[in-house]
C-alpha cells in the first residue's frame, strides 16, 4: 500500500513494488469504507507536518502498520515520525524491489526496521531521553503510543466498545491493537498486557 502526495515517487514506488511477487499493491486513502492493508507506505522527500498527519491518520483510523520511504531525514524528524506511528523507515536510495519486499514483510509480521545509518541515531536519542525522563516519551519498552493509550484505558476498566468510543476508533482497530500487543510481546491475555505496561512504567 502507498500513501503520499508526490506523483513521481508514487509512480516509481508502484513500479518497484510490482516486481515483488509476495506483495499486493493497492491505493489506500484512509477512508472508513476502504479495507485496511497490513502495511501502508508513506513516501516523502523529507518529513513535514503534512506527512506526519498522514502517519497519525493511518495510526488512528486503521490497523495498518506504516513504513516511511524518505529521501533524507533528520534526527528530530525521525523521532517525530516514529511517534506519529511509523514502525519502519526506508531511505529512497535503498528502495530496491528486494529491500522493499523484505522490509514490508518484516513489518507485516509486527517487526520494525531502521536503516543502520539511522539506528545509531535512534539509540543515542533513546539514551538521552531515558536519562532525562525514564519511562516517558516514545514507547521504548516495545509499545507504540496508541498501544499505550489503549492499555491505559484497559487498566481503568473500560471494555473494547468504550475504548473505541473514547479514542474515536473502531472496535476492530482496538481489538487488533490489543491482539498485536499480546502476540508481539507473548502476553497471555489483556490482564497480562496491562500488567506488562504497568511494570514498564508506561501507565
N, C-alpha and C. Protein backbone atom coordinates (compact mmCIF):
# COMPACT_ATOMS: atom_id res chain seq x y z
N UNK A 1 0.85 -1.19 0.00
CA UNK A 1 0.00 0.00 0.00
C UNK A 1 0.88 1.24 0.00
N UNK A 2 0.32 2.33 -0.54
CA UNK A 2 1.11 3.56 -0.61
C UNK A 2 0.20 4.74 -0.29
N UNK A 3 0.74 5.67 0.48
CA UNK A 3 0.00 6.91 0.76
C UNK A 3 0.99 8.06 0.64
N UNK A 4 0.63 9.08 -0.07
CA UNK A 4 1.54 10.21 -0.21
C UNK A 4 1.03 11.19 -1.23
N UNK A 5 1.79 12.25 -1.49
CA UNK A 5 1.30 13.29 -2.38
C UNK A 5 2.24 13.55 -3.56
N UNK A 6 3.35 12.82 -3.66
CA UNK A 6 4.34 13.05 -4.70
C UNK A 6 4.09 12.07 -5.84
N UNK A 7 3.54 12.53 -6.99
CA UNK A 7 3.19 11.60 -8.07
C UNK A 7 4.39 10.89 -8.66
N UNK A 8 5.55 11.53 -8.69
CA UNK A 8 6.75 10.89 -9.22
C UNK A 8 7.17 9.75 -8.30
N UNK A 9 7.18 10.03 -7.00
CA UNK A 9 7.51 8.99 -6.04
C UNK A 9 6.50 7.85 -6.12
N UNK A 10 5.23 8.21 -6.27
CA UNK A 10 4.17 7.20 -6.34
C UNK A 10 4.40 6.27 -7.52
N UNK A 11 4.68 6.84 -8.69
CA UNK A 11 4.89 6.03 -9.89
C UNK A 11 6.11 5.13 -9.75
N UNK A 12 7.19 5.69 -9.24
CA UNK A 12 8.41 4.90 -9.05
C UNK A 12 8.22 3.77 -8.05
N UNK A 13 7.54 4.08 -6.96
CA UNK A 13 7.33 3.07 -5.92
C UNK A 13 6.45 1.93 -6.43
N UNK A 14 5.36 2.28 -7.10
CA UNK A 14 4.49 1.24 -7.64
C UNK A 14 5.25 0.37 -8.63
N UNK A 15 6.10 1.00 -9.43
CA UNK A 15 6.90 0.23 -10.38
C UNK A 15 7.82 -0.76 -9.68
N UNK A 16 8.40 -0.33 -8.55
CA UNK A 16 9.26 -1.23 -7.79
C UNK A 16 8.46 -2.35 -7.14
N UNK A 17 7.32 -2.01 -6.56
CA UNK A 17 6.54 -3.00 -5.81
C UNK A 17 5.93 -4.05 -6.71
N UNK A 18 5.61 -3.69 -7.94
CA UNK A 18 5.01 -4.68 -8.85
C UNK A 18 6.01 -5.78 -9.22
N UNK A 19 7.28 -5.57 -8.92
CA UNK A 19 8.28 -6.60 -9.16
C UNK A 19 8.39 -7.59 -7.99
N UNK A 20 7.63 -7.34 -6.91
CA UNK A 20 7.71 -8.16 -5.71
C UNK A 20 6.57 -9.18 -5.70
N UNK A 21 6.86 -10.47 -5.91
CA UNK A 21 5.79 -11.47 -6.06
C UNK A 21 4.95 -11.69 -4.81
N UNK A 22 5.49 -11.40 -3.62
CA UNK A 22 4.73 -11.68 -2.39
C UNK A 22 3.83 -10.53 -1.97
N UNK A 23 3.83 -9.42 -2.74
CA UNK A 23 3.08 -8.24 -2.34
C UNK A 23 1.92 -7.96 -3.28
N UNK A 24 0.84 -7.45 -2.71
CA UNK A 24 -0.30 -6.97 -3.49
C UNK A 24 -0.40 -5.47 -3.27
N UNK A 25 -0.35 -4.70 -4.35
CA UNK A 25 -0.31 -3.24 -4.26
C UNK A 25 -1.69 -2.67 -4.57
N UNK A 26 -2.14 -1.74 -3.75
CA UNK A 26 -3.43 -1.08 -3.98
C UNK A 26 -3.37 0.33 -3.42
N UNK A 27 -4.19 1.21 -3.95
CA UNK A 27 -4.28 2.58 -3.44
C UNK A 27 -4.99 2.55 -2.10
N UNK A 28 -4.53 3.40 -1.18
CA UNK A 28 -5.09 3.43 0.17
C UNK A 28 -5.28 4.88 0.58
N UNK A 29 -6.53 5.25 0.99
CA UNK A 29 -6.78 6.65 1.30
C UNK A 29 -7.34 6.89 2.70
N UNK A 30 -7.28 5.87 3.58
CA UNK A 30 -7.70 6.01 4.98
C UNK A 30 -9.19 6.25 5.15
N UNK A 31 -9.98 6.13 4.09
CA UNK A 31 -11.41 6.34 4.24
C UNK A 31 -12.04 5.17 5.00
N UNK A 32 -13.12 5.42 5.77
CA UNK A 32 -13.70 4.39 6.63
C UNK A 32 -14.10 3.11 5.90
N UNK A 33 -14.59 3.23 4.66
CA UNK A 33 -15.07 2.06 3.93
C UNK A 33 -13.96 1.35 3.15
N UNK A 34 -12.73 1.87 3.22
CA UNK A 34 -11.63 1.26 2.50
C UNK A 34 -11.03 0.13 3.33
N UNK A 35 -10.93 -1.09 2.78
CA UNK A 35 -10.31 -2.19 3.54
C UNK A 35 -8.89 -1.81 3.95
N UNK A 36 -8.58 -2.04 5.22
CA UNK A 36 -7.26 -1.67 5.72
C UNK A 36 -6.21 -2.68 5.27
N UNK A 37 -5.08 -2.21 4.75
CA UNK A 37 -4.00 -3.12 4.39
C UNK A 37 -3.21 -3.52 5.63
N UNK A 38 -2.31 -4.48 5.47
CA UNK A 38 -1.42 -4.80 6.57
C UNK A 38 -0.36 -3.72 6.74
N UNK A 39 0.10 -3.18 5.61
CA UNK A 39 1.18 -2.19 5.65
C UNK A 39 0.83 -1.03 4.72
N UNK A 40 1.05 0.18 5.19
CA UNK A 40 0.86 1.38 4.38
C UNK A 40 2.20 2.07 4.22
N UNK A 41 2.55 2.44 2.99
CA UNK A 41 3.79 3.15 2.72
C UNK A 41 3.49 4.63 2.53
N UNK A 42 4.27 5.46 3.22
CA UNK A 42 4.16 6.91 3.07
C UNK A 42 5.46 7.39 2.44
N UNK A 43 5.37 8.02 1.28
CA UNK A 43 6.55 8.44 0.52
C UNK A 43 6.75 9.94 0.67
N UNK A 44 7.97 10.35 0.99
CA UNK A 44 8.22 11.79 1.20
C UNK A 44 9.67 12.12 0.85
N UNK A 45 9.91 13.29 0.23
CA UNK A 45 11.29 13.73 0.04
C UNK A 45 11.94 14.06 1.39
N UNK A 46 11.15 14.63 2.29
CA UNK A 46 11.57 14.92 3.66
C UNK A 46 10.30 15.00 4.50
N UNK A 47 10.45 14.93 5.81
CA UNK A 47 9.28 14.90 6.69
C UNK A 47 8.80 16.32 6.98
N UNK A 48 7.51 16.56 6.74
CA UNK A 48 6.90 17.81 7.16
C UNK A 48 5.59 17.47 7.89
N UNK A 49 4.89 18.50 8.32
CA UNK A 49 3.70 18.28 9.13
C UNK A 49 2.62 17.53 8.37
N UNK A 50 2.53 17.74 7.07
CA UNK A 50 1.51 17.04 6.28
C UNK A 50 1.75 15.53 6.28
N UNK A 51 3.00 15.13 6.14
CA UNK A 51 3.31 13.70 6.17
C UNK A 51 3.09 13.12 7.57
N UNK A 52 3.39 13.89 8.59
CA UNK A 52 3.13 13.43 9.95
C UNK A 52 1.64 13.24 10.18
N UNK A 53 0.82 14.13 9.60
CA UNK A 53 -0.63 13.97 9.72
C UNK A 53 -1.11 12.69 9.04
N UNK A 54 -0.49 12.36 7.89
CA UNK A 54 -0.85 11.11 7.21
C UNK A 54 -0.52 9.92 8.10
N UNK A 55 0.66 9.92 8.70
CA UNK A 55 1.04 8.82 9.59
C UNK A 55 0.08 8.71 10.78
N UNK A 56 -0.26 9.85 11.37
CA UNK A 56 -1.17 9.82 12.53
C UNK A 56 -2.55 9.33 12.13
N UNK A 57 -3.00 9.73 10.93
CA UNK A 57 -4.32 9.30 10.48
C UNK A 57 -4.36 7.80 10.24
N UNK A 58 -3.31 7.26 9.64
CA UNK A 58 -3.24 5.81 9.44
C UNK A 58 -3.26 5.11 10.80
N UNK A 59 -2.49 5.62 11.74
CA UNK A 59 -2.43 5.01 13.07
C UNK A 59 -3.77 5.09 13.79
N UNK A 60 -4.45 6.23 13.64
CA UNK A 60 -5.69 6.48 14.37
C UNK A 60 -6.88 5.74 13.79
N UNK A 61 -6.92 5.56 12.48
CA UNK A 61 -8.14 5.08 11.83
C UNK A 61 -8.05 3.68 11.26
N UNK A 62 -6.85 3.07 11.25
CA UNK A 62 -6.72 1.74 10.68
C UNK A 62 -5.84 0.86 11.56
N UNK A 63 -5.77 -0.40 11.19
CA UNK A 63 -4.87 -1.33 11.88
C UNK A 63 -3.56 -1.52 11.10
N UNK A 64 -3.38 -0.75 10.03
CA UNK A 64 -2.18 -0.89 9.19
C UNK A 64 -0.93 -0.42 9.92
N UNK A 65 0.19 -1.05 9.61
CA UNK A 65 1.50 -0.62 10.10
C UNK A 65 2.13 0.26 9.02
N UNK A 66 2.72 1.37 9.43
CA UNK A 66 3.24 2.35 8.47
C UNK A 66 4.74 2.24 8.28
N UNK A 67 5.15 2.32 7.01
CA UNK A 67 6.57 2.41 6.65
C UNK A 67 6.77 3.75 5.94
N UNK A 68 7.79 4.46 6.33
CA UNK A 68 8.12 5.75 5.73
C UNK A 68 9.25 5.53 4.73
N UNK A 69 9.02 5.92 3.48
CA UNK A 69 10.06 5.90 2.45
C UNK A 69 10.46 7.34 2.20
N UNK A 70 11.69 7.70 2.55
CA UNK A 70 12.07 9.10 2.61
C UNK A 70 13.45 9.31 1.98
N UNK A 71 13.62 10.46 1.32
CA UNK A 71 14.91 10.76 0.69
C UNK A 71 15.96 11.10 1.73
N UNK A 72 15.59 11.89 2.73
CA UNK A 72 16.51 12.25 3.80
C UNK A 72 15.69 12.56 5.04
N UNK A 73 16.32 12.40 6.19
CA UNK A 73 15.57 12.60 7.44
C UNK A 73 16.53 13.02 8.54
N UNK A 74 16.15 14.02 9.32
CA UNK A 74 16.96 14.47 10.44
C UNK A 74 16.62 13.66 11.68
N UNK A 75 17.46 13.80 12.70
CA UNK A 75 17.21 13.11 13.97
C UNK A 75 15.85 13.50 14.55
N UNK A 76 15.56 14.79 14.57
CA UNK A 76 14.29 15.26 15.13
C UNK A 76 13.11 14.74 14.32
N UNK A 77 13.23 14.77 12.98
CA UNK A 77 12.15 14.29 12.13
C UNK A 77 11.95 12.78 12.31
N UNK A 78 13.02 12.03 12.51
CA UNK A 78 12.91 10.59 12.74
C UNK A 78 12.10 10.31 14.00
N UNK A 79 12.41 11.01 15.08
CA UNK A 79 11.68 10.80 16.33
C UNK A 79 10.21 11.18 16.17
N UNK A 80 9.94 12.28 15.47
CA UNK A 80 8.55 12.70 15.26
C UNK A 80 7.79 11.68 14.41
N UNK A 81 8.46 11.13 13.39
CA UNK A 81 7.81 10.14 12.53
C UNK A 81 7.49 8.87 13.30
N UNK A 82 8.42 8.42 14.14
CA UNK A 82 8.18 7.21 14.94
C UNK A 82 7.06 7.46 15.95
N UNK A 83 7.05 8.64 16.54
CA UNK A 83 5.99 8.98 17.49
C UNK A 83 4.63 9.08 16.79
N UNK A 84 4.63 9.44 15.50
CA UNK A 84 3.38 9.57 14.74
C UNK A 84 2.87 8.22 14.24
N UNK A 85 3.66 7.16 14.42
CA UNK A 85 3.16 5.84 14.06
C UNK A 85 3.99 5.03 13.10
N UNK A 86 5.06 5.60 12.53
CA UNK A 86 5.90 4.81 11.62
C UNK A 86 6.61 3.72 12.40
N UNK A 87 6.61 2.51 11.87
CA UNK A 87 7.34 1.41 12.51
C UNK A 87 8.49 0.94 11.63
N UNK A 88 8.62 1.55 10.46
CA UNK A 88 9.73 1.23 9.58
C UNK A 88 10.13 2.45 8.79
N UNK A 89 11.41 2.57 8.47
CA UNK A 89 11.91 3.67 7.65
C UNK A 89 12.83 3.08 6.59
N UNK A 90 12.60 3.48 5.34
CA UNK A 90 13.45 3.06 4.22
C UNK A 90 13.96 4.32 3.54
N UNK A 91 15.26 4.42 3.34
CA UNK A 91 15.81 5.53 2.57
C UNK A 91 15.58 5.27 1.09
N UNK A 92 15.16 6.30 0.37
CA UNK A 92 14.78 6.11 -1.04
C UNK A 92 15.93 5.56 -1.88
N UNK A 93 17.16 5.91 -1.53
CA UNK A 93 18.30 5.40 -2.29
C UNK A 93 18.48 3.89 -2.11
N UNK A 94 17.85 3.33 -1.07
CA UNK A 94 17.96 1.89 -0.79
C UNK A 94 16.69 1.13 -1.16
N UNK A 95 15.73 1.82 -1.78
CA UNK A 95 14.41 1.22 -2.02
C UNK A 95 14.39 0.36 -3.28
N UNK A 96 15.23 -0.67 -3.31
CA UNK A 96 15.19 -1.65 -4.40
C UNK A 96 13.99 -2.57 -4.18
N UNK A 97 13.54 -3.26 -5.21
CA UNK A 97 12.41 -4.20 -5.01
C UNK A 97 12.66 -5.22 -3.91
N UNK A 98 13.87 -5.80 -3.88
CA UNK A 98 14.17 -6.82 -2.87
C UNK A 98 14.13 -6.23 -1.46
N UNK A 99 14.68 -5.02 -1.30
CA UNK A 99 14.71 -4.41 0.03
C UNK A 99 13.30 -4.00 0.47
N UNK A 100 12.54 -3.41 -0.44
CA UNK A 100 11.15 -3.06 -0.12
C UNK A 100 10.37 -4.28 0.31
N UNK A 101 10.49 -5.36 -0.46
CA UNK A 101 9.74 -6.57 -0.15
C UNK A 101 10.14 -7.13 1.21
N UNK A 102 11.44 -7.14 1.50
CA UNK A 102 11.92 -7.66 2.77
C UNK A 102 11.38 -6.86 3.95
N UNK A 103 11.49 -5.53 3.88
CA UNK A 103 11.06 -4.68 5.00
C UNK A 103 9.54 -4.75 5.17
N UNK A 104 8.80 -4.73 4.07
CA UNK A 104 7.33 -4.81 4.16
C UNK A 104 6.91 -6.10 4.84
N UNK A 105 7.53 -7.21 4.49
CA UNK A 105 7.18 -8.49 5.11
C UNK A 105 7.55 -8.52 6.59
N UNK A 106 8.67 -7.90 6.95
CA UNK A 106 9.04 -7.82 8.37
C UNK A 106 7.99 -7.03 9.15
N UNK A 107 7.60 -5.87 8.62
CA UNK A 107 6.63 -5.01 9.31
C UNK A 107 5.25 -5.67 9.35
N UNK A 108 4.89 -6.38 8.28
CA UNK A 108 3.59 -7.06 8.25
C UNK A 108 3.48 -8.12 9.34
N UNK A 109 4.63 -8.63 9.80
CA UNK A 109 4.64 -9.64 10.86
C UNK A 109 5.03 -9.01 12.21
N UNK A 110 4.67 -7.73 12.36
CA UNK A 110 4.82 -7.00 13.62
C UNK A 110 6.27 -6.68 13.98
N UNK A 111 7.15 -6.67 12.98
CA UNK A 111 8.51 -6.24 13.22
C UNK A 111 8.68 -4.77 12.93
N UNK A 112 9.89 -4.29 13.03
CA UNK A 112 10.20 -2.90 12.72
C UNK A 112 11.51 -2.84 11.94
N UNK A 113 11.80 -1.69 11.36
CA UNK A 113 13.04 -1.57 10.57
C UNK A 113 13.53 -0.13 10.57
N UNK A 114 14.83 0.02 10.84
CA UNK A 114 15.52 1.29 10.63
C UNK A 114 16.81 0.99 9.87
N UNK A 115 17.19 1.82 8.90
CA UNK A 115 18.48 1.63 8.24
C UNK A 115 19.61 1.73 9.26
N UNK A 116 20.69 1.00 9.08
CA UNK A 116 21.81 1.07 10.03
C UNK A 116 22.30 2.48 10.29
N UNK A 117 22.26 3.34 9.26
CA UNK A 117 22.73 4.72 9.43
C UNK A 117 21.83 5.52 10.36
N UNK A 118 20.56 5.10 10.50
CA UNK A 118 19.63 5.79 11.40
C UNK A 118 19.52 5.11 12.75
N UNK A 119 19.88 3.82 12.81
CA UNK A 119 19.71 3.08 14.06
C UNK A 119 20.57 3.65 15.17
N UNK A 120 21.82 4.00 14.85
CA UNK A 120 22.69 4.59 15.86
C UNK A 120 22.14 5.90 16.39
N UNK A 121 21.61 6.72 15.48
CA UNK A 121 20.99 7.99 15.88
C UNK A 121 19.82 7.74 16.82
N UNK A 122 18.98 6.77 16.47
CA UNK A 122 17.81 6.47 17.27
C UNK A 122 18.20 5.97 18.66
N UNK A 123 19.18 5.07 18.73
CA UNK A 123 19.59 4.51 20.02
C UNK A 123 20.21 5.58 20.92
N UNK A 124 20.98 6.49 20.33
CA UNK A 124 21.57 7.55 21.14
C UNK A 124 20.49 8.50 21.66
N UNK A 125 19.45 8.72 20.84
CA UNK A 125 18.34 9.56 21.27
C UNK A 125 17.58 8.90 22.41
N UNK A 126 17.34 7.60 22.30
CA UNK A 126 16.69 6.87 23.38
C UNK A 126 17.47 7.05 24.67
N UNK A 127 18.78 6.91 24.58
CA UNK A 127 19.60 7.06 25.78
C UNK A 127 19.44 8.42 26.42
N UNK A 128 19.42 9.47 25.61
CA UNK A 128 19.28 10.82 26.16
C UNK A 128 17.91 11.02 26.81
N UNK A 129 16.86 10.54 26.11
CA UNK A 129 15.51 10.72 26.64
C UNK A 129 15.32 9.92 27.92
N UNK A 130 15.78 8.67 27.92
CA UNK A 130 15.64 7.84 29.11
C UNK A 130 16.41 8.41 30.29
N UNK A 131 17.57 9.01 30.03
CA UNK A 131 18.35 9.59 31.11
C UNK A 131 17.65 10.79 31.72
N UNK A 132 16.95 11.56 30.88
CA UNK A 132 16.29 12.78 31.36
C UNK A 132 14.88 12.53 31.88
N UNK A 133 14.20 11.51 31.34
CA UNK A 133 12.81 11.26 31.75
C UNK A 133 12.51 9.77 31.57
N UNK A 134 12.97 8.92 32.49
CA UNK A 134 12.77 7.49 32.37
C UNK A 134 11.30 7.13 32.22
N UNK A 135 11.01 6.23 31.26
CA UNK A 135 9.64 5.74 31.10
C UNK A 135 8.72 6.68 30.36
N UNK A 136 9.24 7.78 29.84
CA UNK A 136 8.39 8.76 29.17
C UNK A 136 8.72 8.82 27.68
N UNK A 137 7.97 9.68 26.93
CA UNK A 137 8.26 9.89 25.52
C UNK A 137 7.81 8.73 24.66
N UNK A 138 8.63 8.31 23.71
CA UNK A 138 8.29 7.19 22.86
C UNK A 138 8.19 5.92 23.69
N UNK A 139 7.49 4.94 23.16
CA UNK A 139 7.30 3.69 23.89
C UNK A 139 8.53 2.81 23.71
N UNK A 140 9.58 3.08 24.48
CA UNK A 140 10.83 2.39 24.30
C UNK A 140 10.79 0.95 24.80
N UNK A 141 9.77 0.57 25.56
CA UNK A 141 9.67 -0.80 26.06
C UNK A 141 9.03 -1.72 25.02
N UNK A 142 8.83 -1.26 23.80
CA UNK A 142 8.28 -2.10 22.76
C UNK A 142 6.85 -1.80 22.42
N UNK A 143 6.30 -0.68 22.93
CA UNK A 143 4.92 -0.31 22.67
C UNK A 143 4.85 1.02 21.94
N UNK A 144 3.95 1.11 20.97
CA UNK A 144 3.67 2.37 20.31
C UNK A 144 2.75 3.21 21.18
N UNK A 145 2.70 4.51 20.90
CA UNK A 145 1.88 5.40 21.72
C UNK A 145 0.42 4.97 21.72
N UNK A 146 -0.13 4.59 20.55
CA UNK A 146 -1.54 4.21 20.51
C UNK A 146 -1.79 2.94 21.32
N UNK A 147 -0.77 2.06 21.38
CA UNK A 147 -0.91 0.85 22.18
C UNK A 147 -0.94 1.19 23.67
N UNK A 148 -0.09 2.13 24.07
CA UNK A 148 -0.09 2.58 25.46
C UNK A 148 -1.42 3.22 25.82
N UNK A 149 -1.98 4.02 24.91
CA UNK A 149 -3.27 4.67 25.15
C UNK A 149 -4.35 3.63 25.40
N UNK A 150 -4.37 2.58 24.59
CA UNK A 150 -5.39 1.53 24.75
C UNK A 150 -5.19 0.78 26.07
N UNK A 151 -3.95 0.44 26.39
CA UNK A 151 -3.69 -0.29 27.64
C UNK A 151 -4.02 0.55 28.87
N UNK A 152 -3.78 1.85 28.76
CA UNK A 152 -4.11 2.73 29.89
C UNK A 152 -5.61 2.72 30.16
N UNK A 153 -6.42 2.73 29.09
CA UNK A 153 -7.87 2.69 29.25
C UNK A 153 -8.34 1.31 29.71
N UNK A 154 -7.67 0.26 29.26
CA UNK A 154 -7.99 -1.08 29.78
C UNK A 154 -7.75 -1.14 31.28
N UNK A 155 -6.65 -0.53 31.72
CA UNK A 155 -6.33 -0.52 33.14
C UNK A 155 -7.37 0.23 33.96
N UNK A 156 -8.07 1.18 33.31
CA UNK A 156 -9.12 1.93 34.00
C UNK A 156 -10.45 1.18 34.02
N UNK A 157 -10.47 -0.02 33.40
CA UNK A 157 -11.67 -0.85 33.44
C UNK A 157 -12.60 -0.72 32.25
N UNK A 158 -12.21 0.01 31.21
CA UNK A 158 -13.07 0.18 30.04
C UNK A 158 -13.02 -1.07 29.17
N UNK A 159 -14.16 -1.39 28.53
CA UNK A 159 -14.17 -2.51 27.60
C UNK A 159 -13.85 -2.01 26.19
N UNK A 160 -13.84 -2.94 25.22
CA UNK A 160 -13.44 -2.59 23.86
C UNK A 160 -14.29 -1.47 23.27
N UNK A 161 -15.61 -1.59 23.42
CA UNK A 161 -16.50 -0.59 22.84
C UNK A 161 -16.29 0.78 23.48
N UNK A 162 -16.09 0.81 24.79
CA UNK A 162 -15.89 2.08 25.49
C UNK A 162 -14.56 2.73 25.08
N UNK A 163 -13.53 1.91 24.90
CA UNK A 163 -12.23 2.44 24.46
C UNK A 163 -12.35 3.00 23.05
N UNK A 164 -13.05 2.26 22.18
CA UNK A 164 -13.24 2.72 20.80
C UNK A 164 -13.96 4.06 20.77
N UNK A 165 -14.99 4.20 21.59
CA UNK A 165 -15.73 5.46 21.65
C UNK A 165 -14.86 6.60 22.16
N UNK A 166 -14.10 6.33 23.20
CA UNK A 166 -13.28 7.37 23.82
C UNK A 166 -12.17 7.86 22.90
N UNK A 167 -11.57 6.92 22.14
CA UNK A 167 -10.46 7.28 21.26
C UNK A 167 -10.91 7.64 19.85
N UNK A 168 -12.18 7.38 19.54
CA UNK A 168 -12.70 7.69 18.22
C UNK A 168 -12.25 6.71 17.15
N UNK A 169 -11.95 5.48 17.54
CA UNK A 169 -11.54 4.44 16.61
C UNK A 169 -12.64 3.39 16.53
N UNK A 170 -12.48 2.43 15.63
CA UNK A 170 -13.45 1.34 15.52
C UNK A 170 -13.15 0.24 16.53
N UNK A 171 -14.17 -0.56 16.84
CA UNK A 171 -13.96 -1.71 17.72
C UNK A 171 -12.87 -2.62 17.15
N UNK A 172 -12.89 -2.81 15.82
CA UNK A 172 -11.92 -3.70 15.18
C UNK A 172 -10.50 -3.20 15.39
N UNK A 173 -10.31 -1.88 15.29
CA UNK A 173 -8.97 -1.32 15.49
C UNK A 173 -8.48 -1.59 16.90
N UNK A 174 -9.36 -1.40 17.89
CA UNK A 174 -8.97 -1.64 19.28
C UNK A 174 -8.62 -3.11 19.49
N UNK A 175 -9.43 -4.00 18.96
CA UNK A 175 -9.16 -5.44 19.10
C UNK A 175 -7.84 -5.80 18.44
N UNK A 176 -7.58 -5.22 17.26
CA UNK A 176 -6.33 -5.51 16.56
C UNK A 176 -5.12 -5.00 17.33
N UNK A 177 -5.24 -3.82 17.93
CA UNK A 177 -4.14 -3.26 18.72
C UNK A 177 -3.82 -4.17 19.90
N UNK A 178 -4.86 -4.59 20.61
CA UNK A 178 -4.65 -5.46 21.77
C UNK A 178 -4.05 -6.80 21.34
N UNK A 179 -4.57 -7.37 20.26
CA UNK A 179 -4.05 -8.64 19.77
C UNK A 179 -2.60 -8.50 19.33
N UNK A 180 -2.28 -7.40 18.65
CA UNK A 180 -0.90 -7.19 18.20
C UNK A 180 0.06 -7.09 19.38
N UNK A 181 -0.34 -6.38 20.43
CA UNK A 181 0.50 -6.26 21.63
C UNK A 181 0.71 -7.63 22.26
N UNK A 182 -0.37 -8.37 22.43
CA UNK A 182 -0.27 -9.68 23.07
C UNK A 182 0.60 -10.64 22.27
N UNK A 183 0.41 -10.63 20.94
CA UNK A 183 1.17 -11.54 20.08
C UNK A 183 2.64 -11.17 20.05
N UNK A 184 2.92 -9.88 19.85
CA UNK A 184 4.30 -9.43 19.71
C UNK A 184 5.11 -9.63 20.99
N UNK A 185 4.48 -9.39 22.14
CA UNK A 185 5.18 -9.47 23.42
C UNK A 185 4.92 -10.77 24.16
N UNK A 186 4.18 -11.70 23.51
CA UNK A 186 3.89 -13.02 24.09
C UNK A 186 3.20 -12.89 25.45
N UNK A 187 2.13 -12.09 25.47
CA UNK A 187 1.35 -11.88 26.69
C UNK A 187 0.10 -12.76 26.62
N UNK A 188 -0.28 -13.36 27.73
CA UNK A 188 -1.33 -14.38 27.74
C UNK A 188 -2.72 -13.81 27.49
N UNK A 189 -3.02 -12.65 28.07
CA UNK A 189 -4.36 -12.09 27.97
C UNK A 189 -4.29 -10.59 28.21
N UNK A 190 -5.47 -9.95 28.25
CA UNK A 190 -5.50 -8.50 28.43
C UNK A 190 -4.93 -8.08 29.79
N UNK A 191 -5.23 -8.86 30.81
CA UNK A 191 -4.72 -8.54 32.15
C UNK A 191 -3.20 -8.57 32.16
N UNK A 192 -2.63 -9.58 31.50
CA UNK A 192 -1.18 -9.69 31.42
C UNK A 192 -0.60 -8.49 30.66
N UNK A 193 -1.28 -8.04 29.61
CA UNK A 193 -0.82 -6.89 28.84
C UNK A 193 -0.82 -5.63 29.70
N UNK A 194 -1.88 -5.42 30.47
CA UNK A 194 -1.94 -4.26 31.37
C UNK A 194 -0.83 -4.34 32.40
N UNK A 195 -0.63 -5.53 32.97
CA UNK A 195 0.42 -5.71 33.99
C UNK A 195 1.80 -5.40 33.40
N UNK A 196 2.02 -5.82 32.15
CA UNK A 196 3.29 -5.53 31.48
C UNK A 196 3.51 -4.03 31.36
N UNK A 197 2.50 -3.31 30.90
CA UNK A 197 2.62 -1.87 30.72
C UNK A 197 2.86 -1.16 32.05
N UNK A 198 2.20 -1.65 33.10
CA UNK A 198 2.40 -1.05 34.43
C UNK A 198 3.81 -1.32 34.93
N UNK A 199 4.28 -2.54 34.71
CA UNK A 199 5.62 -2.91 35.18
C UNK A 199 6.70 -2.08 34.49
N UNK A 200 6.44 -1.74 33.19
CA UNK A 200 7.40 -0.95 32.44
C UNK A 200 7.27 0.55 32.72
N UNK A 201 6.32 0.92 33.58
CA UNK A 201 6.14 2.33 33.93
C UNK A 201 5.48 3.16 32.85
N UNK A 202 4.73 2.50 31.92
CA UNK A 202 4.08 3.22 30.82
C UNK A 202 2.70 3.70 31.17
N UNK A 203 2.07 3.07 32.16
CA UNK A 203 0.74 3.51 32.59
C UNK A 203 0.70 3.53 34.12
